[in-house]
Every structure is written in C-alpha cells, then in structure tokens.
C-alpha cells in the first residue's frame, strides 16, 4: 500500500539479478505483452467480421421478406429479381 516501500522492494528484487538476467526477463515481458496485444487485435478483428456478417445476413433476410411480399402481390420472379438483386433460384425457394 505504501509507494515508497513498493519501490524499495522492487529495487531489492532487481539487485538480486545480473544485468543479463534483467535483460532476459525484460525481453520475456516484452514478448508476453506483444503476444497479448496480438491476441487482443485478433479478437477485435473477429468481432468486426462477425458484425459485418450479421449485417449482411440481416440485409439478405430483409430482401427475402420483401421478395415474399412481392411474390404474394403477384409479381414475376424476374421482376422481383431485378428489384431485389436476388437470383431467380433463391426466389423460387421462398
């Protein structure tokens, strides 16, 4: 809890190691931090990809819902395909 005591303990702990040991330990810590940052970046990229996939899936679902309404109104599959961008094969399945 006391900052001065914590600083003194750190100095005492560092004095127990040679310069080479300290450099190796600092290199090890740097590698750990680098790996942690890389993992964090990968998770962020994964979340962004997931959001993009979700938006694309939602947009496709909305197009299919609109296409179904058009189909029930008697529009042809070709016209619906032109308006929604969905293929005739996709439309014939709804």
PDB file of N, CA and C in Angstrom:
ATOM      1  N   UNK A   1       0.806  -1.197   0.000  1.00  0.00           N
ATOM      2  CA  UNK A   1       0.000   0.000   0.000  1.00  0.00           C
ATOM      3  C   UNK A   1       0.853   1.266   0.000  1.00  0.00           C
ATOM      4  N   UNK A   2       2.076   1.161   0.505  1.00  0.00           N
ATOM      5  CA  UNK A   2       2.966   2.317   0.596  1.00  0.00           C
ATOM      6  C   UNK A   2       3.848   2.369  -0.655  1.00  0.00           C
ATOM      7  N   UNK A   3       3.773   3.439  -1.437  1.00  0.00           N
ATOM      8  CA  UNK A   3       4.549   3.516  -2.684  1.00  0.00           C
ATOM      9  C   UNK A   3       6.053   3.458  -2.461  1.00  0.00           C
ATOM     10  N   UNK A   4       6.531   4.068  -1.374  1.00  0.00           N
ATOM     11  CA  UNK A   4       7.979   4.048  -1.129  1.00  0.00           C
ATOM     12  C   UNK A   4       8.457   2.636  -0.810  1.00  0.00           C
ATOM     13  N   UNK A   5       7.661   1.908  -0.047  1.00  0.00           N
ATOM     14  CA  UNK A   5       8.048   0.536   0.294  1.00  0.00           C
ATOM     15  C   UNK A   5       8.008  -0.338  -0.958  1.00  0.00           C
ATOM     16  N   UNK A   6       6.996  -0.147  -1.788  1.00  0.00           N
ATOM     17  CA  UNK A   6       6.919  -0.910  -3.043  1.00  0.00           C
ATOM     18  C   UNK A   6       8.115  -0.623  -3.935  1.00  0.00           C
ATOM     19  N   UNK A   7       8.523   0.631  -4.001  1.00  0.00           N
ATOM     20  CA  UNK A   7       9.687   0.995  -4.821  1.00  0.00           C
ATOM     21  C   UNK A   7      10.947   0.373  -4.234  1.00  0.00           C
ATOM     22  N   UNK A   8      11.089   0.379  -2.918  1.00  0.00           N
ATOM     23  CA  UNK A   8      12.256  -0.221  -2.273  1.00  0.00           C
ATOM     24  C   UNK A   8      12.295  -1.727  -2.533  1.00  0.00           C
ATOM     25  N   UNK A   9      11.146  -2.382  -2.445  1.00  0.00           N
ATOM     26  CA  UNK A   9      11.092  -3.824  -2.712  1.00  0.00           C
ATOM     27  C   UNK A   9      11.490  -4.132  -4.156  1.00  0.00           C
ATOM     28  N   UNK A  10      11.057  -3.308  -5.072  1.00  0.00           N
ATOM     29  CA  UNK A  10      11.420  -3.502  -6.469  1.00  0.00           C
ATOM     30  C   UNK A  10      12.928  -3.370  -6.665  1.00  0.00           C
ATOM     31  N   UNK A  11      13.530  -2.399  -6.010  1.00  0.00           N
ATOM     32  CA  UNK A  11      14.990  -2.206  -6.107  1.00  0.00           C
ATOM     33  C   UNK A  11      15.720  -3.404  -5.532  1.00  0.00           C
ATOM     34  N   UNK A  12      15.249  -3.894  -4.393  1.00  0.00           N
ATOM     35  CA  UNK A  12      15.890  -5.055  -3.760  1.00  0.00           C
ATOM     36  C   UNK A  12      15.754  -6.281  -4.663  1.00  0.00           C
ATOM     37  N   UNK A  13      14.568  -6.482  -5.239  1.00  0.00           N
ATOM     38  CA  UNK A  13      14.378  -7.625  -6.119  1.00  0.00           C
ATOM     39  C   UNK A  13      15.269  -7.533  -7.350  1.00  0.00           C
ATOM     40  N   UNK A  14      15.396  -6.338  -7.921  1.00  0.00           N
ATOM     41  CA  UNK A  14      16.243  -6.169  -9.101  1.00  0.00           C
ATOM     42  C   UNK A  14      17.721  -6.401  -8.774  1.00  0.00           C
ATOM     43  N   UNK A  15      18.128  -6.052  -7.574  1.00  0.00           N
ATOM     44  CA  UNK A  15      19.542  -6.210  -7.212  1.00  0.00           C
ATOM     45  C   UNK A  15      19.938  -7.672  -7.105  1.00  0.00           C
ATOM     46  N   UNK A  16      18.989  -8.567  -6.991  1.00  0.00           N
ATOM     47  CA  UNK A  16      19.294  -9.992  -6.881  1.00  0.00           C
ATOM     48  C   UNK A  16      19.651 -10.608  -8.227  1.00  0.00           C
ATOM     49  N   UNK A  17      19.424  -9.883  -9.320  1.00  0.00           N
ATOM     50  CA  UNK A  17      19.664 -10.408 -10.662  1.00  0.00           C
ATOM     51  C   UNK A  17      20.837  -9.691 -11.320  1.00  0.00           C
ATOM     52  N   UNK A  18      21.510 -10.419 -12.218  1.00  0.00           N
ATOM     53  CA  UNK A  18      22.581  -9.803 -13.004  1.00  0.00           C
ATOM     54  C   UNK A  18      21.944  -8.971 -14.108  1.00  0.00           C
ATOM     55  N   UNK A  19      22.762  -8.140 -14.750  1.00  0.00           N
ATOM     56  CA  UNK A  19      22.245  -7.341 -15.863  1.00  0.00           C
ATOM     57  C   UNK A  19      21.700  -8.233 -16.966  1.00  0.00           C
ATOM     58  N   UNK A  20      22.365  -9.331 -17.258  1.00  0.00           N
ATOM     59  CA  UNK A  20      21.921 -10.261 -18.288  1.00  0.00           C
ATOM     60  C   UNK A  20      20.578 -10.876 -17.936  1.00  0.00           C
ATOM     61  N   UNK A  21      20.413 -11.247 -16.654  1.00  0.00           N
ATOM     62  CA  UNK A  21      19.130 -11.804 -16.206  1.00  0.00           C
ATOM     63  C   UNK A  21      18.011 -10.779 -16.361  1.00  0.00           C
ATOM     64  N   UNK A  22      18.302  -9.542 -15.985  1.00  0.00           N
ATOM     65  CA  UNK A  22      17.294  -8.493 -16.097  1.00  0.00           C
ATOM     66  C   UNK A  22      16.904  -8.244 -17.553  1.00  0.00           C
ATOM     67  N   UNK A  23      17.887  -8.226 -18.454  1.00  0.00           N
ATOM     68  CA  UNK A  23      17.589  -8.024 -19.870  1.00  0.00           C
ATOM     69  C   UNK A  23      16.739  -9.176 -20.408  1.00  0.00           C
ATOM     70  N   UNK A  24      17.093 -10.393 -20.026  1.00  0.00           N
ATOM     71  CA  UNK A  24      16.335 -11.564 -20.477  1.00  0.00           C
ATOM     72  C   UNK A  24      14.899 -11.498 -19.953  1.00  0.00           C
ATOM     73  N   UNK A  25      14.753 -11.114 -18.687  1.00  0.00           N
ATOM     74  CA  UNK A  25      13.421 -11.014 -18.101  1.00  0.00           C
ATOM     75  C   UNK A  25      12.614  -9.915 -18.789  1.00  0.00           C
ATOM     76  N   UNK A  26      13.223  -8.780 -19.052  1.00  0.00           N
ATOM     77  CA  UNK A  26      12.518  -7.695 -19.732  1.00  0.00           C
ATOM     78  C   UNK A  26      12.141  -8.091 -21.152  1.00  0.00           C
ATOM     79  N   UNK A  27      13.020  -8.835 -21.844  1.00  0.00           N
ATOM     80  CA  UNK A  27      12.691  -9.339 -23.171  1.00  0.00           C
ATOM     81  C   UNK A  27      11.501 -10.294 -23.105  1.00  0.00           C
ATOM     82  N   UNK A  28      11.484 -11.129 -22.069  1.00  0.00           N
ATOM     83  CA  UNK A  28      10.384 -12.061 -21.872  1.00  0.00           C
ATOM     84  C   UNK A  28       9.081 -11.297 -21.653  1.00  0.00           C
ATOM     85  N   UNK A  29       9.113 -10.277 -20.807  1.00  0.00           N
ATOM     86  CA  UNK A  29       7.911  -9.476 -20.551  1.00  0.00           C
ATOM     87  C   UNK A  29       7.441  -8.772 -21.818  1.00  0.00           C
ATOM     88  N   UNK A  30       8.386  -8.244 -22.595  1.00  0.00           N
ATOM     89  CA  UNK A  30       8.037  -7.580 -23.845  1.00  0.00           C
ATOM     90  C   UNK A  30       7.370  -8.557 -24.809  1.00  0.00           C
ATOM     91  N   UNK A  31       7.885  -9.774 -24.887  1.00  0.00           N
ATOM     92  CA  UNK A  31       7.284 -10.798 -25.753  1.00  0.00           C
ATOM     93  C   UNK A  31       5.863 -11.137 -25.289  1.00  0.00           C
ATOM     94  N   UNK A  32       5.669 -11.258 -23.985  1.00  0.00           N
ATOM     95  CA  UNK A  32       4.340 -11.530 -23.452  1.00  0.00           C
ATOM     96  C   UNK A  32       3.360 -10.408 -23.802  1.00  0.00           C
ATOM     97  N   UNK A  33       3.805  -9.169 -23.645  1.00  0.00           N
ATOM     98  CA  UNK A  33       2.936  -8.035 -23.967  1.00  0.00           C
ATOM     99  C   UNK A  33       2.611  -8.006 -25.454  1.00  0.00           C
ATOM    100  N   UNK A  34       3.589  -8.320 -26.288  1.00  0.00           N
ATOM    101  CA  UNK A  34       3.379  -8.345 -27.732  1.00  0.00           C
ATOM    102  C   UNK A  34       2.347  -9.406 -28.108  1.00  0.00           C
ATOM    103  N   UNK A  35       2.475 -10.584 -27.511  1.00  0.00           N
ATOM    104  CA  UNK A  35       1.518 -11.660 -27.781  1.00  0.00           C
ATOM    105  C   UNK A  35       0.122 -11.279 -27.296  1.00  0.00           C
ATOM    106  N   UNK A  36       0.051 -10.659 -26.133  1.00  0.00           N
ATOM    107  CA  UNK A  36      -1.248 -10.241 -25.584  1.00  0.00           C
ATOM    108  C   UNK A  36      -1.919  -9.215 -26.506  1.00  0.00           C
ATOM    109  N   UNK A  37      -1.130  -8.256 -26.997  1.00  0.00           N
ATOM    110  CA  UNK A  37      -1.683  -7.260 -27.929  1.00  0.00           C
ATOM    111  C   UNK A  37      -2.153  -7.912 -29.222  1.00  0.00           C
ATOM    112  N   UNK A  38      -1.381  -8.879 -29.716  1.00  0.00           N
ATOM    113  CA  UNK A  38      -1.760  -9.568 -30.951  1.00  0.00           C
ATOM    114  C   UNK A  38      -3.072 -10.321 -30.760  1.00  0.00           C
ATOM    115  N   UNK A  39      -3.217 -10.983 -29.610  1.00  0.00           N
ATOM    116  CA  UNK A  39      -4.457 -11.711 -29.334  1.00  0.00           C
ATOM    117  C   UNK A  39      -5.635 -10.744 -29.217  1.00  0.00           C
ATOM    118  N   UNK A  40      -5.402  -9.604 -28.597  1.00  0.00           N
ATOM    119  CA  UNK A  40      -6.462  -8.607 -28.455  1.00  0.00           C
ATOM    120  C   UNK A  40      -6.879  -8.084 -29.825  1.00  0.00           C
ATOM    121  N   UNK A  41      -5.903  -7.841 -30.689  1.00  0.00           N
ATOM    122  CA  UNK A  41      -6.205  -7.366 -32.049  1.00  0.00           C
ATOM    123  C   UNK A  41      -6.989  -8.417 -32.834  1.00  0.00           C
ATOM    124  N   UNK A  42      -6.619  -9.699 -32.665  1.00  0.00           N
ATOM    125  CA  UNK A  42      -7.330 -10.762 -33.367  1.00  0.00           C
ATOM    126  C   UNK A  42      -8.776 -10.838 -32.898  1.00  0.00           C
ATOM    127  N   UNK A  43      -9.000 -10.678 -31.597  1.00  0.00           N
ATOM    128  CA  UNK A  43     -10.373 -10.706 -31.084  1.00  0.00           C
ATOM    129  C   UNK A  43     -11.171  -9.536 -31.645  1.00  0.00           C
ATOM    130  N   UNK A  44     -10.556  -8.358 -31.708  1.00  0.00           N
ATOM    131  CA  UNK A  44     -11.251  -7.184 -32.239  1.00  0.00           C
ATOM    132  C   UNK A  44     -11.589  -7.395 -33.715  1.00  0.00           C
ATOM    133  N   UNK A  45     -10.658  -7.972 -34.472  1.00  0.00           N
ATOM    134  CA  UNK A  45     -10.920  -8.236 -35.886  1.00  0.00           C
ATOM    135  C   UNK A  45     -12.037  -9.264 -36.029  1.00  0.00           C
ATOM    136  N   UNK A  46     -12.039 -10.269 -35.162  1.00  0.00           N
ATOM    137  CA  UNK A  46     -13.092 -11.285 -35.207  1.00  0.00           C
ATOM    138  C   UNK A  46     -14.459 -10.692 -34.910  1.00  0.00           C
ATOM    139  N   UNK A  47     -14.505  -9.779 -33.940  1.00  0.00           N
ATOM    140  CA  UNK A  47     -15.776  -9.130 -33.625  1.00  0.00           C
ATOM    141  C   UNK A  47     -16.258  -8.284 -34.801  1.00  0.00           C
ATOM    142  N   UNK A  48     -15.340  -7.574 -35.442  1.00  0.00           N
ATOM    143  CA  UNK A  48     -15.710  -6.740 -36.594  1.00  0.00           C
ATOM    144  C   UNK A  48     -16.225  -7.607 -37.744  1.00  0.00           C
ATOM    145  N   UNK A  49     -15.553  -8.737 -37.969  1.00  0.00           N
ATOM    146  CA  UNK A  49     -16.009  -9.646 -39.031  1.00  0.00           C
ATOM    147  C   UNK A  49     -17.387 -10.201 -38.696  1.00  0.00           C
ATOM    148  N   UNK A  50     -17.598 -10.537 -37.436  1.00  0.00           N
ATOM    149  CA  UNK A  50     -18.892 -11.059 -37.011  1.00  0.00           C
ATOM    150  C   UNK A  50     -20.005 -10.045 -37.201  1.00  0.00           C
ATOM    151  N   UNK A  51     -19.716  -8.786 -36.865  1.00  0.00           N
ATOM    152  CA  UNK A  51     -20.726  -7.734 -37.062  1.00  0.00           C
ATOM    153  C   UNK A  51     -21.037  -7.560 -38.547  1.00  0.00           C
ATOM    154  N   UNK A  52     -20.012  -7.590 -39.386  1.00  0.00           N
ATOM    155  CA  UNK A  52     -20.220  -7.433 -40.829  1.00  0.00           C
ATOM    156  C   UNK A  52     -21.046  -8.590 -41.377  1.00  0.00           C
ATOM    157  N   UNK A  53     -20.736  -9.810 -40.920  1.00  0.00           N
ATOM    158  CA  UNK A  53     -21.509 -10.969 -41.374  1.00  0.00           C
ATOM    159  C   UNK A  53     -22.958 -10.856 -40.905  1.00  0.00           C
ATOM    160  N   UNK A  54     -23.157 -10.399 -39.691  1.00  0.00           N
ATOM    161  CA  UNK A  54     -24.510 -10.237 -39.162  1.00  0.00           C
ATOM    162  C   UNK A  54     -25.309  -9.219 -39.943  1.00  0.00           C
ATOM    163  N   UNK A  55     -24.655  -8.106 -40.294  1.00  0.00           N
ATOM    164  CA  UNK A  55     -25.349  -7.080 -41.095  1.00  0.00           C
ATOM    165  C   UNK A  55     -25.712  -7.632 -42.471  1.00  0.00           C
ATOM    166  N   UNK A  56     -24.788  -8.365 -43.089  1.00  0.00           N
ATOM    167  CA  UNK A  56     -25.048  -8.926 -44.414  1.00  0.00           C
ATOM    168  C   UNK A  56     -26.192  -9.937 -44.340  1.00  0.00           C
ATOM    169  N   UNK A  57     -26.183 -10.756 -43.297  1.00  0.00           N
ATOM    170  CA  UNK A  57     -27.252 -11.743 -43.139  1.00  0.00           C
ATOM    171  C   UNK A  57     -28.594 -11.047 -42.900  1.00  0.00           C
ATOM    172  N   UNK A  58     -28.591  -9.983 -42.117  1.00  0.00           N
ATOM    173  CA  UNK A  58     -29.817  -9.225 -41.868  1.00  0.00           C
ATOM    174  C   UNK A  58     -30.350  -8.587 -43.136  1.00  0.00           C
ATOM    175  N   UNK A  59     -29.452  -8.040 -43.945  1.00  0.00           N
ATOM    176  CA  UNK A  59     -29.867  -7.419 -45.211  1.00  0.00           C
ATOM    177  C   UNK A  59     -30.469  -8.464 -46.151  1.00  0.00           C
ATOM    178  N   UNK A  60     -29.850  -9.641 -46.187  1.00  0.00           N
ATOM    179  CA  UNK A  60     -30.372 -10.710 -47.050  1.00  0.00           C
ATOM    180  C   UNK A  60     -31.753 -11.149 -46.556  1.00  0.00           C
ATOM    181  N   UNK A  61     -31.901 -11.274 -45.253  1.00  0.00           N
ATOM    182  CA  UNK A  61     -33.189 -11.662 -44.680  1.00  0.00           C
ATOM    183  C   UNK A  61     -34.267 -10.633 -45.038  1.00  0.00           C
ATOM    184  N   UNK A  62     -33.911  -9.371 -44.954  1.00  0.00           N
ATOM    185  CA  UNK A  62     -34.859  -8.302 -45.290  1.00  0.00           C
ATOM    186  C   UNK A  62     -35.244  -8.370 -46.769  1.00  0.00           C
ATOM    187  N   UNK A  63     -34.270  -8.611 -47.632  1.00  0.00           N
ATOM    188  CA  UNK A  63     -34.573  -8.736 -49.066  1.00  0.00           C
ATOM    189  C   UNK A  63     -35.523  -9.900 -49.320  1.00  0.00           C
ATOM    190  N   UNK A  64     -35.290 -11.011 -48.618  1.00  0.00           N
ATOM    191  CA  UNK A  64     -36.155 -12.174 -48.804  1.00  0.00           C
ATOM    192  C   UNK A  64     -37.573 -11.883 -48.322  1.00  0.00           C
ATOM    193  N   UNK A  65     -37.698 -11.159 -47.209  1.00  0.00           N
ATOM    194  CA  UNK A  65     -39.021 -10.805 -46.691  1.00  0.00           C
ATOM    195  C   UNK A  65     -39.765  -9.903 -47.675  1.00  0.00           C
ATOM    196  N   UNK A  66     -39.062  -8.947 -48.245  1.00  0.00           N
ATOM    197  CA  UNK A  66     -39.668  -8.046 -49.238  1.00  0.00           C
ATOM    198  C   UNK A  66     -40.036  -8.831 -50.493  1.00  0.00           C
ATOM    199  N   UNK A  67     -39.152  -9.739 -50.894  1.00  0.00           N
ATOM    200  CA  UNK A  67     -39.415 -10.545 -52.093  1.00  0.00           C
ATOM    201  C   UNK A  67     -40.655 -11.405 -51.884  1.00  0.00           C
ATOM    202  N   UNK A  68     -40.817 -11.945 -50.678  1.00  0.00           N
ATOM    203  CA  UNK A  68     -42.000 -12.757 -50.397  1.00  0.00           C
ATOM    204  C   UNK A  68     -43.272 -11.920 -50.527  1.00  0.00           C
ATOM    205  N   UNK A  69     -43.244 -10.694 -50.037  1.00  0.00           N
ATOM    206  CA  UNK A  69     -44.402  -9.801 -50.167  1.00  0.00           C
ATOM    207  C   UNK A  69     -44.684  -9.506 -51.643  1.00  0.00           C
ATOM    208  N   UNK A  70     -43.623  -9.276 -52.422  1.00  0.00           N
ATOM    209  CA  UNK A  70     -43.792  -9.003 -53.848  1.00  0.00           C
ATOM    210  C   UNK A  70     -44.415 -10.209 -54.549  1.00  0.00           C
ATOM    211  N   UNK A  71     -43.941 -11.394 -54.148  1.00  0.00           N
ATOM    212  CA  UNK A  71     -44.443 -12.624 -54.766  1.00  0.00           C
ATOM    213  C   UNK A  71     -45.925 -12.817 -54.446  1.00  0.00           C
ATOM    214  N   UNK A  72     -46.317 -12.528 -53.211  1.00  0.00           N
ATOM    215  CA  UNK A  72     -47.733 -12.675 -52.840  1.00  0.00           C
ATOM    216  C   UNK A  72     -48.604 -11.636 -53.537  1.00  0.00           C
ATOM    217  N   UNK A  73     -48.006 -10.522 -53.967  1.00  0.00           N
ATOM    218  CA  UNK A  73     -48.748  -9.495 -54.708  1.00  0.00           C
ATOM    219  C   UNK A  73     -48.872  -9.844 -56.196  1.00  0.00           C
ATOM    220  N   UNK A  74     -48.233 -10.963 -56.590  1.00  0.00           N
ATOM    221  CA  UNK A  74     -48.368 -11.429 -57.971  1.00  0.00           C
ATOM    222  C   UNK A  74     -47.256 -10.997 -58.908  1.00  0.00           C
ATOM    223  N   UNK A  75     -46.196 -10.427 -58.403  1.00  0.00           N
ATOM    224  CA  UNK A  75     -45.095 -10.017 -59.285  1.00  0.00           C
ATOM    225  C   UNK A  75     -44.344 -11.247 -59.784  1.00  0.00           C
ATOM    226  N   UNK A  76     -43.759 -11.131 -60.964  1.00  0.00           N
ATOM    227  CA  UNK A  76     -42.993 -12.242 -61.526  1.00  0.00           C
ATOM    228  C   UNK A  76     -41.645 -12.351 -60.828  1.00  0.00           C
ATOM    229  N   UNK A  77     -41.090 -13.565 -60.880  1.00  0.00           N
ATOM    230  CA  UNK A  77     -39.779 -13.787 -60.260  1.00  0.00           C
ATOM    231  C   UNK A  77     -38.705 -12.938 -60.933  1.00  0.00           C
ATOM    232  N   UNK A  78     -38.813 -12.754 -62.239  1.00  0.00           N
ATOM    233  CA  UNK A  78     -37.829 -11.923 -62.958  1.00  0.00           C
ATOM    234  C   UNK A  78     -37.878 -10.477 -62.463  1.00  0.00           C
ATOM    235  N   UNK A  79     -39.087  -9.943 -62.296  1.00  0.00           N
ATOM    236  CA  UNK A  79     -39.224  -8.562 -61.799  1.00  0.00           C
ATOM    237  C   UNK A  79     -38.698  -8.437 -60.368  1.00  0.00           C
ATOM    238  N   UNK A  80     -39.042  -9.410 -59.549  1.00  0.00           N
ATOM    239  CA  UNK A  80     -38.578  -9.387 -58.156  1.00  0.00           C
ATOM    240  C   UNK A  80     -37.053  -9.470 -58.112  1.00  0.00           C
ATOM    241  N   UNK A  81     -36.500 -10.313 -58.966  1.00  0.00           N
ATOM    242  CA  UNK A  81     -35.041 -10.454 -59.030  1.00  0.00           C
ATOM    243  C   UNK A  81     -34.381  -9.144 -59.429  1.00  0.00           C
ATOM    244  N   UNK A  82     -34.959  -8.468 -60.423  1.00  0.00           N
ATOM    245  CA  UNK A  82     -34.417  -7.174 -60.860  1.00  0.00           C
ATOM    246  C   UNK A  82     -34.451  -6.143 -59.737  1.00  0.00           C
ATOM    247  N   UNK A  83     -35.529  -6.141 -58.947  1.00  0.00           N
ATOM    248  CA  UNK A  83     -35.696  -5.129 -57.904  1.00  0.00           C
ATOM    249  C   UNK A  83     -34.899  -5.424 -56.635  1.00  0.00           C
ATOM    250  N   UNK A  84     -34.735  -6.698 -56.303  1.00  0.00           N
ATOM    251  CA  UNK A  84     -34.068  -7.044 -55.039  1.00  0.00           C
ATOM    252  C   UNK A  84     -32.608  -7.449 -55.203  1.00  0.00           C
ATOM    253  N   UNK A  85     -32.237  -7.843 -56.408  1.00  0.00           N
ATOM    254  CA  UNK A  85     -30.879  -8.330 -56.613  1.00  0.00           C
ATOM    255  C   UNK A  85     -30.705  -9.793 -56.249  1.00  0.00           C
ATOM    256  N   UNK A  86     -31.787 -10.433 -55.841  1.00  0.00           N
ATOM    257  CA  UNK A  86     -31.740 -11.862 -55.526  1.00  0.00           C
ATOM    258  C   UNK A  86     -31.876 -12.656 -56.814  1.00  0.00           C
ATOM    259  N   UNK A  87     -31.297 -13.842 -56.849  1.00  0.00           N
ATOM    260  CA  UNK A  87     -31.397 -14.661 -58.052  1.00  0.00           C
ATOM    261  C   UNK A  87     -32.775 -15.309 -58.134  1.00  0.00           C
ATOM    262  N   UNK A  88     -33.146 -15.701 -59.331  1.00  0.00           N
ATOM    263  CA  UNK A  88     -34.418 -16.371 -59.530  1.00  0.00           C
ATOM    264  C   UNK A  88     -34.433 -17.702 -58.776  1.00  0.00           C
ATOM    265  N   UNK A  89     -33.282 -18.368 -58.719  1.00  0.00           N
ATOM    266  CA  UNK A  89     -33.188 -19.626 -57.958  1.00  0.00           C
ATOM    267  C   UNK A  89     -33.501 -19.396 -56.483  1.00  0.00           C
ATOM    268  N   UNK A  90     -32.940 -18.330 -55.899  1.00  0.00           N
ATOM    269  CA  UNK A  90     -33.220 -18.006 -54.499  1.00  0.00           C
ATOM    270  C   UNK A  90     -34.692 -17.710 -54.300  1.00  0.00           C
ATOM    271  N   UNK A  91     -35.253 -16.985 -55.246  1.00  0.00           N
ATOM    272  CA  UNK A  91     -36.663 -16.583 -55.132  1.00  0.00           C
ATOM    273  C   UNK A  91     -37.601 -17.758 -55.285  1.00  0.00           C
ATOM    274  N   UNK A  92     -37.222 -18.732 -56.085  1.00  0.00           N
ATOM    275  CA  UNK A  92     -38.111 -19.883 -56.286  1.00  0.00           C
ATOM    276  C   UNK A  92     -38.174 -20.761 -55.035  1.00  0.00           C
ATOM    277  N   UNK A  93     -37.250 -20.591 -54.117  1.00  0.00           N
ATOM    278  CA  UNK A  93     -37.236 -21.382 -52.873  1.00  0.00           C
ATOM    279  C   UNK A  93     -38.122 -20.782 -51.777  1.00  0.00           C
ATOM    280  N   UNK A  94     -38.563 -19.542 -51.977  1.00  0.00           N
ATOM    281  CA  UNK A  94     -39.399 -18.918 -50.930  1.00  0.00           C
ATOM    282  C   UNK A  94     -40.874 -19.086 -51.232  1.00  0.00           C
TER     283      UNK A  94
END
